[in-house]
Amino acid sequence: MPEVEEDACPTETALDLIGGKWKGMILYYLYSDTRRFNELMRLIPNITQRMLTKQLRDLEAHGIVHRQVYPQVPPKVEYSLTKIGKTLKPVIKELEKWGKLYLKAL
């Protein structure tokens, strides 16, 4: 995992790690279950294969997502939340609730 500055803002750190167009959706779908790459591709409309790969690698590099490769032909790869990634579940759930509230208010 990358080093974090001692005086880093915790909120900014969290938003840097999980923010962006696609990471929230990836985490949302991993929140409920372990997923394979193609399953995530189907679940997330308009994401490209290249972008999904990039986002998963970034989340993996930061210790939020675990990538499990099974030694078989064809290769089987599954993604799940790590122990620290699972601590995001209540945050994701609250963001979902807030998003629904906001959309309803519009």
PDB file of N, CA and C in Angstrom:
ATOM      1  N   MET A   1       0.835  -1.182   0.000  1.00  0.00           N
ATOM      2  CA  MET A   1       0.000   0.000   0.000  1.00  0.00           C
ATOM      3  C   MET A   1       0.878   1.243   0.000  1.00  0.00           C
ATOM      4  N   PRO A   2       0.408   2.301  -0.663  1.00  0.00           N
ATOM      5  CA  PRO A   2       1.177   3.534  -0.699  1.00  0.00           C
ATOM      6  C   PRO A   2       1.274   4.173   0.685  1.00  0.00           C
ATOM      7  N   GLU A   3       2.320   4.958   0.870  1.00  0.00           N
ATOM      8  CA  GLU A   3       2.475   5.678   2.131  1.00  0.00           C
ATOM      9  C   GLU A   3       1.523   6.859   2.164  1.00  0.00           C
ATOM     10  N   VAL A   4       1.079   7.195   3.371  1.00  0.00           N
ATOM     11  CA  VAL A   4       0.181   8.324   3.571  1.00  0.00           C
ATOM     12  C   VAL A   4       0.901   9.343   4.427  1.00  0.00           C
ATOM     13  N   GLU A   5       0.768  10.612   4.052  1.00  0.00           N
ATOM     14  CA  GLU A   5       1.402  11.669   4.837  1.00  0.00           C
ATOM     15  C   GLU A   5       0.803  11.711   6.233  1.00  0.00           C
ATOM     16  N   GLU A   6       1.651  12.043   7.200  1.00  0.00           N
ATOM     17  CA  GLU A   6       1.226  12.048   8.590  1.00  0.00           C
ATOM     18  C   GLU A   6       0.101  13.052   8.858  1.00  0.00           C
ATOM     19  N   ASP A   7       0.132  14.193   8.193  1.00  0.00           N
ATOM     20  CA  ASP A   7      -0.869  15.226   8.436  1.00  0.00           C
ATOM     21  C   ASP A   7      -1.966  15.240   7.373  1.00  0.00           C
ATOM     22  N   ALA A   8      -2.149  14.120   6.680  1.00  0.00           N
ATOM     23  CA  ALA A   8      -3.166  14.037   5.621  1.00  0.00           C
ATOM     24  C   ALA A   8      -4.566  14.173   6.217  1.00  0.00           C
ATOM     25  N   CYS A   9      -5.432  14.818   5.480  1.00  0.00           N
ATOM     26  CA  CYS A   9      -6.831  14.966   5.885  1.00  0.00           C
ATOM     27  C   CYS A   9      -7.545  13.625   5.672  1.00  0.00           C
ATOM     28  N   PRO A  10      -8.135  13.053   6.704  1.00  0.00           N
ATOM     29  CA  PRO A  10      -8.793  11.758   6.572  1.00  0.00           C
ATOM     30  C   PRO A  10      -9.930  11.744   5.541  1.00  0.00           C
ATOM     31  N   THR A  11     -10.710  12.811   5.484  1.00  0.00           N
ATOM     32  CA  THR A  11     -11.813  12.868   4.533  1.00  0.00           C
ATOM     33  C   THR A  11     -11.295  12.915   3.109  1.00  0.00           C
ATOM     34  N   GLU A  12     -10.276  13.734   2.871  1.00  0.00           N
ATOM     35  CA  GLU A  12      -9.686  13.819   1.537  1.00  0.00           C
ATOM     36  C   GLU A  12      -9.061  12.485   1.133  1.00  0.00           C
ATOM     37  N   THR A  13      -8.422  11.824   2.081  1.00  0.00           N
ATOM     38  CA  THR A  13      -7.825  10.515   1.816  1.00  0.00           C
ATOM     39  C   THR A  13      -8.900   9.523   1.384  1.00  0.00           C
ATOM     40  N   ALA A  14     -10.007   9.482   2.132  1.00  0.00           N
ATOM     41  CA  ALA A  14     -11.102   8.561   1.808  1.00  0.00           C
ATOM     42  C   ALA A  14     -11.685   8.853   0.429  1.00  0.00           C
ATOM     43  N   LEU A  15     -11.911  10.127   0.147  1.00  0.00           N
ATOM     44  CA  LEU A  15     -12.484  10.493  -1.154  1.00  0.00           C
ATOM     45  C   LEU A  15     -11.509  10.197  -2.291  1.00  0.00           C
ATOM     46  N   ASP A  16     -10.232  10.376  -2.056  1.00  0.00           N
ATOM     47  CA  ASP A  16      -9.235  10.029  -3.073  1.00  0.00           C
ATOM     48  C   ASP A  16      -9.257   8.539  -3.379  1.00  0.00           C
ATOM     49  N   LEU A  17      -9.444   7.717  -2.358  1.00  0.00           N
ATOM     50  CA  LEU A  17      -9.399   6.268  -2.527  1.00  0.00           C
ATOM     51  C   LEU A  17     -10.652   5.697  -3.176  1.00  0.00           C
ATOM     52  N   ILE A  18     -11.823   6.234  -2.826  1.00  0.00           N
ATOM     53  CA  ILE A  18     -13.065   5.638  -3.325  1.00  0.00           C
ATOM     54  C   ILE A  18     -13.852   6.541  -4.255  1.00  0.00           C
ATOM     55  N   GLY A  19     -13.352   7.759  -4.482  1.00  0.00           N
ATOM     56  CA  GLY A  19     -14.067   8.698  -5.326  1.00  0.00           C
ATOM     57  C   GLY A  19     -13.875   8.407  -6.803  1.00  0.00           C
ATOM     58  N   GLY A  20     -14.553   9.172  -7.600  1.00  0.00           N
ATOM     59  CA  GLY A  20     -14.455   9.012  -9.044  1.00  0.00           C
ATOM     60  C   GLY A  20     -15.727   8.425  -9.617  1.00  0.00           C
ATOM     61  N   LYS A  21     -15.757   8.356 -10.908  1.00  0.00           N
ATOM     62  CA  LYS A  21     -16.965   7.917 -11.615  1.00  0.00           C
ATOM     63  C   LYS A  21     -17.283   6.441 -11.398  1.00  0.00           C
ATOM     64  N   TRP A  22     -16.280   5.576 -11.310  1.00  0.00           N
ATOM     65  CA  TRP A  22     -16.513   4.142 -11.337  1.00  0.00           C
ATOM     66  C   TRP A  22     -16.283   3.414 -10.025  1.00  0.00           C
ATOM     67  N   LYS A  23     -15.411   3.905  -9.175  1.00  0.00           N
ATOM     68  CA  LYS A  23     -15.058   3.157  -7.970  1.00  0.00           C
ATOM     69  C   LYS A  23     -16.253   2.926  -7.054  1.00  0.00           C
ATOM     70  N   GLY A  24     -17.105   3.907  -6.925  1.00  0.00           N
ATOM     71  CA  GLY A  24     -18.298   3.744  -6.089  1.00  0.00           C
ATOM     72  C   GLY A  24     -19.175   2.606  -6.566  1.00  0.00           C
ATOM     73  N   MET A  25     -19.354   2.512  -7.880  1.00  0.00           N
ATOM     74  CA  MET A  25     -20.179   1.443  -8.429  1.00  0.00           C
ATOM     75  C   MET A  25     -19.502   0.081  -8.248  1.00  0.00           C
ATOM     76  N   ILE A  26     -18.202   0.031  -8.458  1.00  0.00           N
ATOM     77  CA  ILE A  26     -17.462  -1.217  -8.266  1.00  0.00           C
ATOM     78  C   ILE A  26     -17.610  -1.671  -6.813  1.00  0.00           C
ATOM     79  N   LEU A  27     -17.391  -0.763  -5.875  1.00  0.00           N
ATOM     80  CA  LEU A  27     -17.502  -1.103  -4.460  1.00  0.00           C
ATOM     81  C   LEU A  27     -18.928  -1.504  -4.093  1.00  0.00           C
ATOM     82  N   TYR A  28     -19.907  -0.832  -4.688  1.00  0.00           N
ATOM     83  CA  TYR A  28     -21.307  -1.157  -4.425  1.00  0.00           C
ATOM     84  C   TYR A  28     -21.599  -2.606  -4.794  1.00  0.00           C
ATOM     85  N   TYR A  29     -21.127  -3.048  -5.948  1.00  0.00           N
ATOM     86  CA  TYR A  29     -21.393  -4.419  -6.382  1.00  0.00           C
ATOM     87  C   TYR A  29     -20.542  -5.439  -5.635  1.00  0.00           C
ATOM     88  N   LEU A  30     -19.365  -5.063  -5.196  1.00  0.00           N
ATOM     89  CA  LEU A  30     -18.545  -5.977  -4.402  1.00  0.00           C
ATOM     90  C   LEU A  30     -19.028  -6.032  -2.948  1.00  0.00           C
ATOM     91  N   TYR A  31     -19.759  -5.023  -2.540  1.00  0.00           N
ATOM     92  CA  TYR A  31     -20.327  -4.942  -1.194  1.00  0.00           C
ATOM     93  C   TYR A  31     -21.211  -6.151  -0.908  1.00  0.00           C
ATOM     94  N   SER A  32     -21.955  -6.581  -1.913  1.00  0.00           N
ATOM     95  CA  SER A  32     -22.907  -7.658  -1.697  1.00  0.00           C
ATOM     96  C   SER A  32     -22.354  -9.050  -1.996  1.00  0.00           C
ATOM     97  N   ASP A  33     -21.287  -9.144  -2.802  1.00  0.00           N
ATOM     98  CA  ASP A  33     -20.820 -10.470  -3.199  1.00  0.00           C
ATOM     99  C   ASP A  33     -19.461 -10.398  -3.885  1.00  0.00           C
ATOM    100  N   THR A  34     -18.788 -11.533  -3.939  1.00  0.00           N
ATOM    101  CA  THR A  34     -17.583 -11.678  -4.743  1.00  0.00           C
ATOM    102  C   THR A  34     -18.021 -11.696  -6.201  1.00  0.00           C
ATOM    103  N   ARG A  35     -17.279 -11.005  -7.065  1.00  0.00           N
ATOM    104  CA  ARG A  35     -17.675 -10.912  -8.475  1.00  0.00           C
ATOM    105  C   ARG A  35     -16.508 -11.240  -9.392  1.00  0.00           C
ATOM    106  N   ARG A  36     -16.840 -11.774 -10.542  1.00  0.00           N
ATOM    107  CA  ARG A  36     -15.850 -11.999 -11.589  1.00  0.00           C
ATOM    108  C   ARG A  36     -15.815 -10.760 -12.477  1.00  0.00           C
ATOM    109  N   PHE A  37     -14.726 -10.615 -13.210  1.00  0.00           N
ATOM    110  CA  PHE A  37     -14.515  -9.434 -14.045  1.00  0.00           C
ATOM    111  C   PHE A  37     -15.682  -9.207 -15.012  1.00  0.00           C
ATOM    112  N   ASN A  38     -16.049 -10.228 -15.774  1.00  0.00           N
ATOM    113  CA  ASN A  38     -17.120 -10.075 -16.761  1.00  0.00           C
ATOM    114  C   ASN A  38     -18.464  -9.772 -16.114  1.00  0.00           C
ATOM    115  N   GLU A  39     -18.661 -10.267 -14.916  1.00  0.00           N
ATOM    116  CA  GLU A  39     -19.885  -9.953 -14.187  1.00  0.00           C
ATOM    117  C   GLU A  39     -19.932  -8.459 -13.856  1.00  0.00           C
ATOM    118  N   LEU A  40     -18.803  -7.915 -13.416  1.00  0.00           N
ATOM    119  CA  LEU A  40     -18.738  -6.474 -13.151  1.00  0.00           C
ATOM    120  C   LEU A  40     -18.963  -5.675 -14.437  1.00  0.00           C
ATOM    121  N   MET A  41     -18.412  -6.159 -15.546  1.00  0.00           N
ATOM    122  CA  MET A  41     -18.612  -5.482 -16.838  1.00  0.00           C
ATOM    123  C   MET A  41     -20.103  -5.402 -17.173  1.00  0.00           C
ATOM    124  N   ARG A  42     -20.834  -6.473 -16.909  1.00  0.00           N
ATOM    125  CA  ARG A  42     -22.275  -6.495 -17.196  1.00  0.00           C
ATOM    126  C   ARG A  42     -23.058  -5.596 -16.243  1.00  0.00           C
ATOM    127  N   LEU A  43     -22.627  -5.554 -14.995  1.00  0.00           N
ATOM    128  CA  LEU A  43     -23.353  -4.793 -13.974  1.00  0.00           C
ATOM    129  C   LEU A  43     -23.155  -3.286 -14.084  1.00  0.00           C
ATOM    130  N   ILE A  44     -22.027  -2.873 -14.632  1.00  0.00           N
ATOM    131  CA  ILE A  44     -21.697  -1.448 -14.672  1.00  0.00           C
ATOM    132  C   ILE A  44     -21.811  -0.960 -16.114  1.00  0.00           C
ATOM    133  N   PRO A  45     -22.903  -0.311 -16.443  1.00  0.00           N
ATOM    134  CA  PRO A  45     -23.103   0.141 -17.819  1.00  0.00           C
ATOM    135  C   PRO A  45     -22.089   1.209 -18.222  1.00  0.00           C
ATOM    136  N   ASN A  46     -21.657   1.129 -19.437  1.00  0.00           N
ATOM    137  CA  ASN A  46     -20.776   2.128 -20.061  1.00  0.00           C
ATOM    138  C   ASN A  46     -19.325   2.125 -19.608  1.00  0.00           C
ATOM    139  N   ILE A  47     -18.927   1.251 -18.704  1.00  0.00           N
ATOM    140  CA  ILE A  47     -17.512   1.193 -18.331  1.00  0.00           C
ATOM    141  C   ILE A  47     -16.776   0.362 -19.384  1.00  0.00           C
ATOM    142  N   THR A  48     -15.588   0.799 -19.724  1.00  0.00           N
ATOM    143  CA  THR A  48     -14.796   0.031 -20.680  1.00  0.00           C
ATOM    144  C   THR A  48     -13.976  -1.014 -19.935  1.00  0.00           C
ATOM    145  N   GLN A  49     -13.547  -2.016 -20.648  1.00  0.00           N
ATOM    146  CA  GLN A  49     -12.721  -3.071 -20.062  1.00  0.00           C
ATOM    147  C   GLN A  49     -11.436  -2.473 -19.487  1.00  0.00           C
ATOM    148  N   ARG A  50     -10.852  -1.560 -20.233  1.00  0.00           N
ATOM    149  CA  ARG A  50      -9.607  -0.911 -19.797  1.00  0.00           C
ATOM    150  C   ARG A  50      -9.812  -0.121 -18.497  1.00  0.00           C
ATOM    151  N   MET A  51     -10.926   0.610 -18.416  1.00  0.00           N
ATOM    152  CA  MET A  51     -11.192   1.417 -17.226  1.00  0.00           C
ATOM    153  C   MET A  51     -11.502   0.532 -16.024  1.00  0.00           C
ATOM    154  N   LEU A  52     -12.262  -0.540 -16.223  1.00  0.00           N
ATOM    155  CA  LEU A  52     -12.558  -1.445 -15.115  1.00  0.00           C
ATOM    156  C   LEU A  52     -11.267  -2.072 -14.593  1.00  0.00           C
ATOM    157  N   THR A  53     -10.411  -2.486 -15.497  1.00  0.00           N
ATOM    158  CA  THR A  53      -9.122  -3.054 -15.105  1.00  0.00           C
ATOM    159  C   THR A  53      -8.319  -2.049 -14.298  1.00  0.00           C
ATOM    160  N   LYS A  54      -8.259  -0.811 -14.774  1.00  0.00           N
ATOM    161  CA  LYS A  54      -7.503   0.246 -14.086  1.00  0.00           C
ATOM    162  C   LYS A  54      -8.052   0.507 -12.683  1.00  0.00           C
ATOM    163  N   GLN A  55      -9.370   0.623 -12.570  1.00  0.00           N
ATOM    164  CA  GLN A  55      -9.981   0.924 -11.287  1.00  0.00           C
ATOM    165  C   GLN A  55      -9.801  -0.232 -10.297  1.00  0.00           C
ATOM    166  N   LEU A  56      -9.959  -1.465 -10.779  1.00  0.00           N
ATOM    167  CA  LEU A  56      -9.752  -2.625  -9.910  1.00  0.00           C
ATOM    168  C   LEU A  56      -8.306  -2.712  -9.441  1.00  0.00           C
ATOM    169  N   ARG A  57      -7.373  -2.440 -10.334  1.00  0.00           N
ATOM    170  CA  ARG A  57      -5.952  -2.461  -9.950  1.00  0.00           C
ATOM    171  C   ARG A  57      -5.655  -1.401  -8.901  1.00  0.00           C
ATOM    172  N   ASP A  58      -6.248  -0.222  -9.074  1.00  0.00           N
ATOM    173  CA  ASP A  58      -6.040   0.861  -8.116  1.00  0.00           C
ATOM    174  C   ASP A  58      -6.604   0.479  -6.746  1.00  0.00           C
ATOM    175  N   LEU A  59      -7.818  -0.057  -6.728  1.00  0.00           N
ATOM    176  CA  LEU A  59      -8.425  -0.474  -5.465  1.00  0.00           C
ATOM    177  C   LEU A  59      -7.634  -1.615  -4.822  1.00  0.00           C
ATOM    178  N   GLU A  60      -7.103  -2.496  -5.644  1.00  0.00           N
ATOM    179  CA  GLU A  60      -6.269  -3.590  -5.140  1.00  0.00           C
ATOM    180  C   GLU A  60      -4.959  -3.043  -4.567  1.00  0.00           C
ATOM    181  N   ALA A  61      -4.343  -2.105  -5.267  1.00  0.00           N
ATOM    182  CA  ALA A  61      -3.077  -1.522  -4.813  1.00  0.00           C
ATOM    183  C   ALA A  61      -3.232  -0.810  -3.466  1.00  0.00           C
ATOM    184  N   HIS A  62      -4.414  -0.288  -3.207  1.00  0.00           N
ATOM    185  CA  HIS A  62      -4.669   0.408  -1.948  1.00  0.00           C
ATOM    186  C   HIS A  62      -5.224  -0.510  -0.869  1.00  0.00           C
ATOM    187  N   GLY A  63      -5.303  -1.807  -1.169  1.00  0.00           N
ATOM    188  CA  GLY A  63      -5.719  -2.768  -0.156  1.00  0.00           C
ATOM    189  C   GLY A  63      -7.202  -2.830   0.103  1.00  0.00           C
ATOM    190  N   ILE A  64      -8.016  -2.302  -0.798  1.00  0.00           N
ATOM    191  CA  ILE A  64      -9.464  -2.280  -0.610  1.00  0.00           C
ATOM    192  C   ILE A  64     -10.128  -3.486  -1.270  1.00  0.00           C
ATOM    193  N   VAL A  65      -9.569  -3.920  -2.380  1.00  0.00           N
ATOM    194  CA  VAL A  65     -10.106  -5.056  -3.133  1.00  0.00           C
ATOM    195  C   VAL A  65      -9.059  -6.162  -3.195  1.00  0.00           C
ATOM    196  N   HIS A  66      -9.532  -7.394  -3.063  1.00  0.00           N
ATOM    197  CA  HIS A  66      -8.669  -8.574  -3.189  1.00  0.00           C
ATOM    198  C   HIS A  66      -8.946  -9.233  -4.536  1.00  0.00           C
ATOM    199  N   ARG A  67      -7.877  -9.598  -5.230  1.00  0.00           N
ATOM    200  CA  ARG A  67      -7.981 -10.285  -6.521  1.00  0.00           C
ATOM    201  C   ARG A  67      -7.511 -11.718  -6.322  1.00  0.00           C
ATOM    202  N   GLN A  68      -8.406 -12.670  -6.557  1.00  0.00           N
ATOM    203  CA  GLN A  68      -8.088 -14.086  -6.400  1.00  0.00           C
ATOM    204  C   GLN A  68      -8.025 -14.736  -7.774  1.00  0.00           C
ATOM    205  N   VAL A  69      -6.856 -15.267  -8.123  1.00  0.00           N
ATOM    206  CA  VAL A  69      -6.666 -15.946  -9.398  1.00  0.00           C
ATOM    207  C   VAL A  69      -6.640 -17.445  -9.146  1.00  0.00           C
ATOM    208  N   TYR A  70      -7.471 -18.175  -9.874  1.00  0.00           N
ATOM    209  CA  TYR A  70      -7.519 -19.627  -9.755  1.00  0.00           C
ATOM    210  C   TYR A  70      -6.729 -20.249 -10.901  1.00  0.00           C
ATOM    211  N   PRO A  71      -5.828 -21.170 -10.585  1.00  0.00           N
ATOM    212  CA  PRO A  71      -4.995 -21.786 -11.628  1.00  0.00           C
ATOM    213  C   PRO A  71      -5.763 -22.835 -12.429  1.00  0.00           C
ATOM    214  N   GLN A  72      -6.470 -22.382 -13.416  1.00  0.00           N
ATOM    215  CA  GLN A  72      -7.229 -23.275 -14.284  1.00  0.00           C
ATOM    216  C   GLN A  72      -7.275 -22.689 -15.678  1.00  0.00           C
ATOM    217  N   VAL A  73      -7.739 -23.480 -16.621  1.00  0.00           N
ATOM    218  CA  VAL A  73      -7.865 -23.014 -18.001  1.00  0.00           C
ATOM    219  C   VAL A  73      -9.335 -23.112 -18.371  1.00  0.00           C
ATOM    220  N   PRO A  74      -9.955 -22.027 -18.811  1.00  0.00           N
ATOM    221  CA  PRO A  74      -9.426 -20.671 -18.869  1.00  0.00           C
ATOM    222  C   PRO A  74      -9.263 -20.097 -17.456  1.00  0.00           C
ATOM    223  N   PRO A  75      -8.410 -19.073 -17.308  1.00  0.00           N
ATOM    224  CA  PRO A  75      -8.174 -18.498 -15.978  1.00  0.00           C
ATOM    225  C   PRO A  75      -9.465 -17.951 -15.360  1.00  0.00           C
ATOM    226  N   LYS A  76      -9.593 -18.143 -14.081  1.00  0.00           N
ATOM    227  CA  LYS A  76     -10.742 -17.625 -13.341  1.00  0.00           C
ATOM    228  C   LYS A  76     -10.203 -16.609 -12.338  1.00  0.00           C
ATOM    229  N   VAL A  77     -10.759 -15.409 -12.368  1.00  0.00           N
ATOM    230  CA  VAL A  77     -10.336 -14.348 -11.456  1.00  0.00           C
ATOM    231  C   VAL A  77     -11.582 -13.798 -10.766  1.00  0.00           C
ATOM    232  N   GLU A  78     -11.505 -13.692  -9.458  1.00  0.00           N
ATOM    233  CA  GLU A  78     -12.608 -13.139  -8.683  1.00  0.00           C
ATOM    234  C   GLU A  78     -12.117 -11.948  -7.866  1.00  0.00           C
ATOM    235  N   TYR A  79     -13.014 -11.010  -7.655  1.00  0.00           N
ATOM    236  CA  TYR A  79     -12.724  -9.813  -6.871  1.00  0.00           C
ATOM    237  C   TYR A  79     -13.666  -9.759  -5.677  1.00  0.00           C
ATOM    238  N   SER A  80     -13.110  -9.364  -4.550  1.00  0.00           N
ATOM    239  CA  SER A  80     -13.899  -9.216  -3.328  1.00  0.00           C
ATOM    240  C   SER A  80     -13.297  -8.093  -2.497  1.00  0.00           C
ATOM    241  N   LEU A  81     -14.023  -7.678  -1.494  1.00  0.00           N
ATOM    242  CA  LEU A  81     -13.510  -6.655  -0.591  1.00  0.00           C
ATOM    243  C   LEU A  81     -12.556  -7.288   0.418  1.00  0.00           C
ATOM    244  N   THR A  82     -11.484  -6.593   0.728  1.00  0.00           N
ATOM    245  CA  THR A  82     -10.554  -7.035   1.765  1.00  0.00           C
ATOM    246  C   THR A  82     -11.166  -6.721   3.133  1.00  0.00           C
ATOM    247  N   LYS A  83     -10.436  -7.055   4.163  1.00  0.00           N
ATOM    248  CA  LYS A  83     -10.906  -6.754   5.522  1.00  0.00           C
ATOM    249  C   LYS A  83     -11.142  -5.252   5.681  1.00  0.00           C
ATOM    250  N   ILE A  84     -10.182  -4.447   5.243  1.00  0.00           N
ATOM    251  CA  ILE A  84     -10.354  -2.984   5.338  1.00  0.00           C
ATOM    252  C   ILE A  84     -11.425  -2.510   4.362  1.00  0.00           C
ATOM    253  N   GLY A  85     -11.533  -3.164   3.209  1.00  0.00           N
ATOM    254  CA  GLY A  85     -12.570  -2.821   2.242  1.00  0.00           C
ATOM    255  C   GLY A  85     -13.971  -3.060   2.788  1.00  0.00           C
ATOM    256  N   LYS A  86     -14.114  -4.119   3.579  1.00  0.00           N
ATOM    257  CA  LYS A  86     -15.424  -4.441   4.175  1.00  0.00           C
ATOM    258  C   LYS A  86     -15.871  -3.377   5.166  1.00  0.00           C
ATOM    259  N   THR A  87     -14.919  -2.636   5.734  1.00  0.00           N
ATOM    260  CA  THR A  87     -15.305  -1.568   6.662  1.00  0.00           C
ATOM    261  C   THR A  87     -15.992  -0.425   5.925  1.00  0.00           C
ATOM    262  N   LEU A  88     -15.921  -0.426   4.593  1.00  0.00           N
ATOM    263  CA  LEU A  88     -16.606   0.592   3.796  1.00  0.00           C
ATOM    264  C   LEU A  88     -18.101   0.304   3.618  1.00  0.00           C
ATOM    265  N   LYS A  89     -18.539  -0.896   3.979  1.00  0.00           N
ATOM    266  CA  LYS A  89     -19.948  -1.263   3.771  1.00  0.00           C
ATOM    267  C   LYS A  89     -20.928  -0.241   4.347  1.00  0.00           C
ATOM    268  N   PRO A  90     -20.778   0.178   5.621  1.00  0.00           N
ATOM    269  CA  PRO A  90     -21.738   1.163   6.138  1.00  0.00           C
ATOM    270  C   PRO A  90     -21.637   2.509   5.412  1.00  0.00           C
ATOM    271  N   VAL A  91     -20.444   2.867   4.977  1.00  0.00           N
ATOM    272  CA  VAL A  91     -20.258   4.121   4.233  1.00  0.00           C
ATOM    273  C   VAL A  91     -20.985   4.040   2.903  1.00  0.00           C
ATOM    274  N   ILE A  92     -20.823   2.926   2.198  1.00  0.00           N
ATOM    275  CA  ILE A  92     -21.484   2.737   0.903  1.00  0.00           C
ATOM    276  C   ILE A  92     -23.001   2.742   1.079  1.00  0.00           C
ATOM    277  N   LYS A  93     -23.475   2.061   2.119  1.00  0.00           N
ATOM    278  CA  LYS A  93     -24.915   2.016   2.393  1.00  0.00           C
ATOM    279  C   LYS A  93     -25.456   3.415   2.679  1.00  0.00           C
ATOM    280  N   GLU A  94     -24.725   4.195   3.463  1.00  0.00           N
ATOM    281  CA  GLU A  94     -25.163   5.560   3.763  1.00  0.00           C
ATOM    282  C   GLU A  94     -25.137   6.446   2.519  1.00  0.00           C
ATOM    283  N   LEU A  95     -24.113   6.271   1.677  1.00  0.00           N
ATOM    284  CA  LEU A  95     -24.072   7.029   0.419  1.00  0.00           C
ATOM    285  C   LEU A  95     -25.252   6.673  -0.465  1.00  0.00           C
ATOM    286  N   GLU A  96     -25.618   5.393  -0.492  1.00  0.00           N
ATOM    287  CA  GLU A  96     -26.779   4.966  -1.269  1.00  0.00           C
ATOM    288  C   GLU A  96     -28.051   5.633  -0.730  1.00  0.00           C
ATOM    289  N   LYS A  97     -28.226   5.632   0.595  1.00  0.00           N
ATOM    290  CA  LYS A  97     -29.403   6.260   1.202  1.00  0.00           C
ATOM    291  C   LYS A  97     -29.431   7.760   0.910  1.00  0.00           C
ATOM    292  N   TRP A  98     -28.272   8.406   1.033  1.00  0.00           N
ATOM    293  CA  TRP A  98     -28.209   9.839   0.771  1.00  0.00           C
ATOM    294  C   TRP A  98     -28.521  10.124  -0.702  1.00  0.00           C
ATOM    295  N   GLY A  99     -27.982   9.314  -1.600  1.00  0.00           N
ATOM    296  CA  GLY A  99     -28.240   9.485  -3.030  1.00  0.00           C
ATOM    297  C   GLY A  99     -29.717   9.369  -3.351  1.00  0.00           C
ATOM    298  N   LYS A 100     -30.406   8.404  -2.745  1.00  0.00           N
ATOM    299  CA  LYS A 100     -31.858   8.260  -2.956  1.00  0.00           C
ATOM    300  C   LYS A 100     -32.598   9.470  -2.441  1.00  0.00           C
ATOM    301  N   LEU A 101     -32.202   9.947  -1.261  1.00  0.00           N
ATOM    302  CA  LEU A 101     -32.832  11.133  -0.663  1.00  0.00           C
ATOM    303  C   LEU A 101     -32.627  12.348  -1.576  1.00  0.00           C
ATOM    304  N   TYR A 102     -31.421  12.509  -2.057  1.00  0.00           N
ATOM    305  CA  TYR A 102     -31.114  13.637  -2.938  1.00  0.00           C
ATOM    306  C   TYR A 102     -31.912  13.567  -4.236  1.00  0.00           C
ATOM    307  N   LEU A 103     -31.948  12.403  -4.856  1.00  0.00           N
ATOM    308  CA  LEU A 103     -32.703  12.254  -6.106  1.00  0.00           C
ATOM    309  C   LEU A 103     -34.187  12.515  -5.898  1.00  0.00           C
ATOM    310  N   LYS A 104     -34.705  12.093  -4.753  1.00  0.00           N
ATOM    311  CA  LYS A 104     -36.116  12.330  -4.440  1.00  0.00           C
ATOM    312  C   LYS A 104     -36.382  13.826  -4.254  1.00  0.00           C
ATOM    313  N   ALA A 105     -35.418  14.533  -3.659  1.00  0.00           N
ATOM    314  CA  ALA A 105     -35.564  15.966  -3.410  1.00  0.00           C
ATOM    315  C   ALA A 105     -35.557  16.775  -4.701  1.00  0.00           C
ATOM    316  N   LEU A 106     -34.901  16.243  -5.737  1.00  0.00           N
ATOM    317  CA  LEU A 106     -34.852  16.947  -7.010  1.00  0.00           C
ATOM    318  C   LEU A 106     -36.215  16.897  -7.666  1.00  0.00           C
TER     319      LEU A 106
END
